[in-house]
Amino acid sequence: VWCHGLRSPVKSYANDPYNETYFGAPEGELLQEGMKQHFIRGHQLRERYVDQLKLVGEKYSRYETVVRSSDTPRCSQSALVNLAGFYAGSPTFPSRVPNWPSKLTPIPIHTVPHDEDYVALITQDNVCKQFDKAQVARMQRQEFQDFLASNWRLFHTINSNSGGINSPFVLDYLQNVSRYQTRERLQSDTT
């Protein structure tokens, strides 16, 4: 079980300079760094489970390896790239097909529609109702109202510069976007 690799932010705000053009991928899509992460992880898993522990055979077999993914592009791409690393060099790829990608063994990735996905329950479209209730209750607490009042200048500045972020719920999203931008910038500086 693993999470998708590094992706672009799921959403951006009106004045965000780091949009799809900056990331080179649509919102929420797996980035090249995320693909690299999973390919390396696939190699590491192969070393452990095929080479060292001998729990999995070196050739892909549908009786031995079954892959299940959430039905979002970044998740199925992450699984695909992870398996490309895991089965790299496997003798099961079609060697007599002209221009076949180097030693790529195609592995099926099984998915189900979001509304039938009871394995990966938390998706963009399936948010926890209890969490929503807790957020609303938090907003109504006096301590939270006092916090908002004491930081009104900060919120006003954020609203003015972002192009319309004016909800504490959206501030959480803004922090998420900032985290991805920082991580992407740090990784691009080290490569």
C-alpha atoms as a PDB file:
ATOM      1  CA  VAL A   1       0.000   0.000   0.000  1.00  0.00           C
ATOM      2  CA  TRP A   2       1.405   3.372  -0.943  1.00  0.00           C
ATOM      3  CA  CYS A   3       0.337   6.905  -1.745  1.00  0.00           C
ATOM      4  CA  HIS A   4       0.795   8.605  -5.094  1.00  0.00           C
ATOM      5  CA  GLY A   5       4.069  10.404  -5.795  1.00  0.00           C
ATOM      6  CA  LEU A   6       4.673  14.140  -5.813  1.00  0.00           C
ATOM      7  CA  ARG A   7       1.880  15.881  -7.672  1.00  0.00           C
ATOM      8  CA  SER A   8       0.870  19.363  -8.656  1.00  0.00           C
ATOM      9  CA  PRO A   9      -1.622  21.068  -6.304  1.00  0.00           C
ATOM     10  CA  VAL A  10      -5.225  19.922  -6.741  1.00  0.00           C
ATOM     11  CA  LYS A  11      -6.449  23.512  -6.973  1.00  0.00           C
ATOM     12  CA  SER A  12      -4.947  26.950  -7.184  1.00  0.00           C
ATOM     13  CA  TYR A  13      -6.233  30.365  -6.203  1.00  0.00           C
ATOM     14  CA  ALA A  14      -7.068  33.279  -8.500  1.00  0.00           C
ATOM     15  CA  ASN A  15      -3.717  35.129  -8.366  1.00  0.00           C
ATOM     16  CA  ASP A  16      -1.498  32.065  -7.903  1.00  0.00           C
ATOM     17  CA  PRO A  17       1.662  32.478 -10.032  1.00  0.00           C
ATOM     18  CA  TYR A  18       2.335  28.726  -9.657  1.00  0.00           C
ATOM     19  CA  ASN A  19      -0.351  27.284 -11.912  1.00  0.00           C
ATOM     20  CA  GLU A  20      -0.482  24.485 -14.498  1.00  0.00           C
ATOM     21  CA  THR A  21       2.073  26.315 -16.650  1.00  0.00           C
ATOM     22  CA  TYR A  22       4.568  26.440 -13.775  1.00  0.00           C
ATOM     23  CA  PHE A  23       4.166  22.760 -12.879  1.00  0.00           C
ATOM     24  CA  GLY A  24       3.925  21.558 -16.478  1.00  0.00           C
ATOM     25  CA  ALA A  25       1.000  19.328 -15.544  1.00  0.00           C
ATOM     26  CA  PRO A  26      -2.726  19.768 -14.928  1.00  0.00           C
ATOM     27  CA  GLU A  27      -3.931  20.300 -11.362  1.00  0.00           C
ATOM     28  CA  GLY A  28      -3.504  17.201  -9.217  1.00  0.00           C
ATOM     29  CA  GLU A  29      -1.395  15.294 -11.763  1.00  0.00           C
ATOM     30  CA  LEU A  30       1.709  13.267 -10.978  1.00  0.00           C
ATOM     31  CA  LEU A  31       4.890  15.265 -11.609  1.00  0.00           C
ATOM     32  CA  GLN A  32       8.123  13.923 -13.096  1.00  0.00           C
ATOM     33  CA  GLU A  33       9.662  13.970  -9.620  1.00  0.00           C
ATOM     34  CA  GLY A  34       6.753  11.825  -8.399  1.00  0.00           C
ATOM     35  CA  MET A  35       7.408   9.347 -11.207  1.00  0.00           C
ATOM     36  CA  LYS A  36      11.089   9.245 -10.275  1.00  0.00           C
ATOM     37  CA  GLN A  37      10.168   8.629  -6.617  1.00  0.00           C
ATOM     38  CA  HIS A  38       8.023   5.635  -7.519  1.00  0.00           C
ATOM     39  CA  PHE A  39      10.462   4.150 -10.009  1.00  0.00           C
ATOM     40  CA  ILE A  40      13.193   4.238  -7.347  1.00  0.00           C
ATOM     41  CA  ARG A  41      10.778   2.809  -4.764  1.00  0.00           C
ATOM     42  CA  GLY A  42       9.932  -0.022  -7.185  1.00  0.00           C
ATOM     43  CA  HIS A  43      13.640  -0.892  -7.476  1.00  0.00           C
ATOM     44  CA  GLN A  44      13.984  -0.826  -3.681  1.00  0.00           C
ATOM     45  CA  LEU A  45      10.963  -3.105  -3.250  1.00  0.00           C
ATOM     46  CA  ARG A  46      12.369  -5.503  -5.859  1.00  0.00           C
ATOM     47  CA  GLU A  47      15.711  -5.684  -4.055  1.00  0.00           C
ATOM     48  CA  ARG A  48      13.942  -6.522  -0.819  1.00  0.00           C
ATOM     49  CA  TYR A  49      11.106  -8.839  -1.879  1.00  0.00           C
ATOM     50  CA  VAL A  50      12.564 -10.493  -4.994  1.00  0.00           C
ATOM     51  CA  ASP A  51      16.335 -10.488  -4.503  1.00  0.00           C
ATOM     52  CA  GLN A  52      16.731 -10.694  -0.704  1.00  0.00           C
ATOM     53  CA  LEU A  53      13.618 -12.347   0.751  1.00  0.00           C
ATOM     54  CA  LYS A  54      12.614 -14.289  -2.388  1.00  0.00           C
ATOM     55  CA  LEU A  55       8.920 -13.730  -1.563  1.00  0.00           C
ATOM     56  CA  VAL A  56       8.046 -12.644  -5.116  1.00  0.00           C
ATOM     57  CA  GLY A  57       9.309 -14.161  -8.364  1.00  0.00           C
ATOM     58  CA  GLU A  58      11.458 -12.105 -10.718  1.00  0.00           C
ATOM     59  CA  LYS A  59       8.908 -12.521 -13.548  1.00  0.00           C
ATOM     60  CA  TYR A  60       5.486 -10.915 -13.415  1.00  0.00           C
ATOM     61  CA  SER A  61       2.667 -13.404 -12.822  1.00  0.00           C
ATOM     62  CA  ARG A  62      -0.976 -12.397 -12.477  1.00  0.00           C
ATOM     63  CA  TYR A  63      -1.346 -15.204  -9.922  1.00  0.00           C
ATOM     64  CA  GLU A  64       1.270 -13.599  -7.707  1.00  0.00           C
ATOM     65  CA  THR A  65       0.902  -9.851  -8.220  1.00  0.00           C
ATOM     66  CA  VAL A  66      -2.428  -8.022  -8.239  1.00  0.00           C
ATOM     67  CA  VAL A  67      -2.426  -4.228  -8.227  1.00  0.00           C
ATOM     68  CA  ARG A  68      -5.348  -2.093  -7.099  1.00  0.00           C
ATOM     69  CA  SER A  69      -5.420   1.690  -7.476  1.00  0.00           C
ATOM     70  CA  SER A  70      -7.797   4.524  -6.804  1.00  0.00           C
ATOM     71  CA  ASP A  71      -9.399   5.690 -10.025  1.00  0.00           C
ATOM     72  CA  THR A  72      -7.430   8.914 -10.370  1.00  0.00           C
ATOM     73  CA  PRO A  73      -4.679   9.439 -12.935  1.00  0.00           C
ATOM     74  CA  ARG A  74      -1.954  10.256 -10.368  1.00  0.00           C
ATOM     75  CA  CYS A  75      -2.669   7.066  -8.413  1.00  0.00           C
ATOM     76  CA  SER A  76      -2.731   4.695 -11.386  1.00  0.00           C
ATOM     77  CA  GLN A  77       0.372   6.420 -12.839  1.00  0.00           C
ATOM     78  CA  SER A  78       2.170   5.981  -9.511  1.00  0.00           C
ATOM     79  CA  ALA A  79       1.295   2.281  -9.464  1.00  0.00           C
ATOM     80  CA  LEU A  80       2.381   1.859 -13.090  1.00  0.00           C
ATOM     81  CA  VAL A  81       5.747   3.555 -12.549  1.00  0.00           C
ATOM     82  CA  ASN A  82       6.336   1.687  -9.277  1.00  0.00           C
ATOM     83  CA  LEU A  83       5.762  -1.610 -11.080  1.00  0.00           C
ATOM     84  CA  ALA A  84       8.031  -0.532 -13.945  1.00  0.00           C
ATOM     85  CA  GLY A  85      10.780  -0.187 -11.333  1.00  0.00           C
ATOM     86  CA  PHE A  86       9.815  -3.418  -9.560  1.00  0.00           C
ATOM     87  CA  TYR A  87       9.826  -5.537 -12.710  1.00  0.00           C
ATOM     88  CA  ALA A  88      12.640  -3.679 -14.537  1.00  0.00           C
ATOM     89  CA  GLY A  89      14.762  -6.286 -16.249  1.00  0.00           C
ATOM     90  CA  SER A  90      12.085  -8.963 -15.873  1.00  0.00           C
ATOM     91  CA  PRO A  91      12.299 -11.446 -18.750  1.00  0.00           C
ATOM     92  CA  THR A  92       8.529 -11.217 -19.372  1.00  0.00           C
ATOM     93  CA  PHE A  93       8.574  -8.144 -21.624  1.00  0.00           C
ATOM     94  CA  PRO A  94       8.002  -8.708 -25.368  1.00  0.00           C
ATOM     95  CA  SER A  95      11.568  -8.718 -26.686  1.00  0.00           C
ATOM     96  CA  ARG A  96      10.682  -9.134 -30.386  1.00  0.00           C
ATOM     97  CA  VAL A  97       8.446  -6.079 -30.749  1.00  0.00           C
ATOM     98  CA  PRO A  98      10.164  -3.215 -32.607  1.00  0.00           C
ATOM     99  CA  ASN A  99      10.461   0.024 -30.602  1.00  0.00           C
ATOM    100  CA  TRP A 100       9.098  -1.581 -27.412  1.00  0.00           C
ATOM    101  CA  PRO A 101       9.990   0.586 -24.380  1.00  0.00           C
ATOM    102  CA  SER A 102      13.180  -0.781 -22.866  1.00  0.00           C
ATOM    103  CA  LYS A 103      12.382  -3.837 -20.735  1.00  0.00           C
ATOM    104  CA  LEU A 104       8.850  -2.667 -19.883  1.00  0.00           C
ATOM    105  CA  THR A 105       6.523  -5.407 -18.668  1.00  0.00           C
ATOM    106  CA  PRO A 106       2.898  -4.209 -18.799  1.00  0.00           C
ATOM    107  CA  ILE A 107       1.103  -4.935 -15.523  1.00  0.00           C
ATOM    108  CA  PRO A 108      -2.684  -4.511 -15.184  1.00  0.00           C
ATOM    109  CA  ILE A 109      -3.809  -1.817 -12.743  1.00  0.00           C
ATOM    110  CA  HIS A 110      -7.290  -2.570 -11.377  1.00  0.00           C
ATOM    111  CA  THR A 111      -9.609   0.294 -10.414  1.00  0.00           C
ATOM    112  CA  VAL A 112     -13.247   0.827  -9.490  1.00  0.00           C
ATOM    113  CA  PRO A 113     -15.352   3.987  -9.839  1.00  0.00           C
ATOM    114  CA  HIS A 114     -15.003   6.506  -6.982  1.00  0.00           C
ATOM    115  CA  ASP A 115     -18.505   5.853  -5.670  1.00  0.00           C
ATOM    116  CA  GLU A 116     -17.716   2.120  -5.353  1.00  0.00           C
ATOM    117  CA  ASP A 117     -14.225   2.554  -3.894  1.00  0.00           C
ATOM    118  CA  TYR A 118     -14.377   1.268  -0.332  1.00  0.00           C
ATOM    119  CA  VAL A 119     -10.610   0.753  -0.067  1.00  0.00           C
ATOM    120  CA  ALA A 120      -9.418   4.314  -0.643  1.00  0.00           C
ATOM    121  CA  LEU A 121     -12.389   6.109   0.891  1.00  0.00           C
ATOM    122  CA  ILE A 122     -10.941   9.591   1.154  1.00  0.00           C
ATOM    123  CA  THR A 123     -10.961  11.161  -2.277  1.00  0.00           C
ATOM    124  CA  GLN A 124     -11.662  14.636  -3.554  1.00  0.00           C
ATOM    125  CA  ASP A 125     -15.315  13.733  -4.046  1.00  0.00           C
ATOM    126  CA  ASN A 126     -15.756  11.731  -0.858  1.00  0.00           C
ATOM    127  CA  VAL A 127     -15.004  13.898   2.165  1.00  0.00           C
ATOM    128  CA  CYS A 128     -15.724  12.743   5.701  1.00  0.00           C
ATOM    129  CA  LYS A 129     -19.020  14.197   6.925  1.00  0.00           C
ATOM    130  CA  GLN A 130     -17.864  14.026  10.557  1.00  0.00           C
ATOM    131  CA  PHE A 131     -14.828  16.112   9.627  1.00  0.00           C
ATOM    132  CA  ASP A 132     -17.099  18.694   7.985  1.00  0.00           C
ATOM    133  CA  LYS A 133     -19.246  18.859  11.141  1.00  0.00           C
ATOM    134  CA  ALA A 134     -16.154  19.250  13.321  1.00  0.00           C
ATOM    135  CA  GLN A 135     -14.903  22.093  11.102  1.00  0.00           C
ATOM    136  CA  VAL A 136     -18.216  23.946  11.395  1.00  0.00           C
ATOM    137  CA  ALA A 137     -18.243  23.418  15.176  1.00  0.00           C
ATOM    138  CA  ARG A 138     -14.679  24.740  15.393  1.00  0.00           C
ATOM    139  CA  MET A 139     -15.662  27.859  13.442  1.00  0.00           C
ATOM    140  CA  GLN A 140     -18.400  28.575  15.979  1.00  0.00           C
ATOM    141  CA  ARG A 141     -16.163  28.293  19.059  1.00  0.00           C
ATOM    142  CA  GLN A 142     -15.331  31.554  20.785  1.00  0.00           C
ATOM    143  CA  GLU A 143     -11.598  30.754  20.831  1.00  0.00           C
ATOM    144  CA  PHE A 144     -11.608  30.447  17.048  1.00  0.00           C
ATOM    145  CA  GLN A 145     -13.597  33.647  16.596  1.00  0.00           C
ATOM    146  CA  ASP A 146     -11.090  35.430  18.859  1.00  0.00           C
ATOM    147  CA  PHE A 147      -8.224  34.026  16.770  1.00  0.00           C
ATOM    148  CA  LEU A 148      -9.824  35.339  13.570  1.00  0.00           C
ATOM    149  CA  ALA A 149     -10.445  38.751  15.119  1.00  0.00           C
ATOM    150  CA  SER A 150      -6.866  39.046  16.395  1.00  0.00           C
ATOM    151  CA  ASN A 151      -5.470  38.213  12.935  1.00  0.00           C
ATOM    152  CA  TRP A 152      -7.851  40.208  10.762  1.00  0.00           C
ATOM    153  CA  ARG A 153      -5.027  42.229   9.165  1.00  0.00           C
ATOM    154  CA  LEU A 154      -3.251  39.064   8.044  1.00  0.00           C
ATOM    155  CA  PHE A 155      -6.474  37.645   6.586  1.00  0.00           C
ATOM    156  CA  HIS A 156      -7.182  40.944   4.829  1.00  0.00           C
ATOM    157  CA  THR A 157      -3.694  40.889   3.252  1.00  0.00           C
ATOM    158  CA  ILE A 158      -4.123  37.276   2.134  1.00  0.00           C
ATOM    159  CA  ASN A 159      -7.523  38.081   0.640  1.00  0.00           C
ATOM    160  CA  SER A 160      -6.187  41.131  -1.209  1.00  0.00           C
ATOM    161  CA  ASN A 161      -3.127  39.386  -2.654  1.00  0.00           C
ATOM    162  CA  SER A 162      -4.686  36.031  -3.466  1.00  0.00           C
ATOM    163  CA  GLY A 163      -7.618  37.286  -5.452  1.00  0.00           C
ATOM    164  CA  GLY A 164     -10.334  36.301  -3.055  1.00  0.00           C
ATOM    165  CA  ILE A 165      -9.317  33.828  -0.352  1.00  0.00           C
ATOM    166  CA  ASN A 166     -11.545  34.943   2.492  1.00  0.00           C
ATOM    167  CA  SER A 167     -12.435  31.787   4.403  1.00  0.00           C
ATOM    168  CA  PRO A 168     -10.449  30.023   7.131  1.00  0.00           C
ATOM    169  CA  PHE A 169     -11.278  26.748   5.337  1.00  0.00           C
ATOM    170  CA  VAL A 170      -9.552  28.062   2.233  1.00  0.00           C
ATOM    171  CA  LEU A 171      -6.508  29.089   4.281  1.00  0.00           C
ATOM    172  CA  ASP A 172      -5.934  25.410   5.008  1.00  0.00           C
ATOM    173  CA  TYR A 173      -5.984  24.797   1.263  1.00  0.00           C
ATOM    174  CA  LEU A 174      -3.548  27.709   0.734  1.00  0.00           C
ATOM    175  CA  GLN A 175      -1.146  26.101   3.202  1.00  0.00           C
ATOM    176  CA  ASN A 176      -1.407  22.847   1.220  1.00  0.00           C
ATOM    177  CA  VAL A 177      -0.589  24.648  -2.055  1.00  0.00           C
ATOM    178  CA  SER A 178       2.357  26.386  -0.401  1.00  0.00           C
ATOM    179  CA  ARG A 179       3.675  23.076   0.917  1.00  0.00           C
ATOM    180  CA  TYR A 180       3.690  21.545  -2.581  1.00  0.00           C
ATOM    181  CA  GLN A 181       5.327  24.623  -4.082  1.00  0.00           C
ATOM    182  CA  THR A 182       8.059  24.568  -1.441  1.00  0.00           C
ATOM    183  CA  ARG A 183       8.678  20.827  -1.836  1.00  0.00           C
ATOM    184  CA  GLU A 184       8.813  21.106  -5.641  1.00  0.00           C
ATOM    185  CA  ARG A 185      11.188  24.084  -5.448  1.00  0.00           C
ATOM    186  CA  LEU A 186      13.486  22.298  -2.985  1.00  0.00           C
ATOM    187  CA  GLN A 187      13.600  19.167  -5.118  1.00  0.00           C
ATOM    188  CA  SER A 188      14.250  21.070  -8.322  1.00  0.00           C
ATOM    189  CA  ASP A 189      17.101  22.937  -6.592  1.00  0.00           C
ATOM    190  CA  THR A 190      18.786  19.641  -5.648  1.00  0.00           C
ATOM    191  CA  THR A 191      18.498  17.913  -9.037  1.00  0.00           C
END
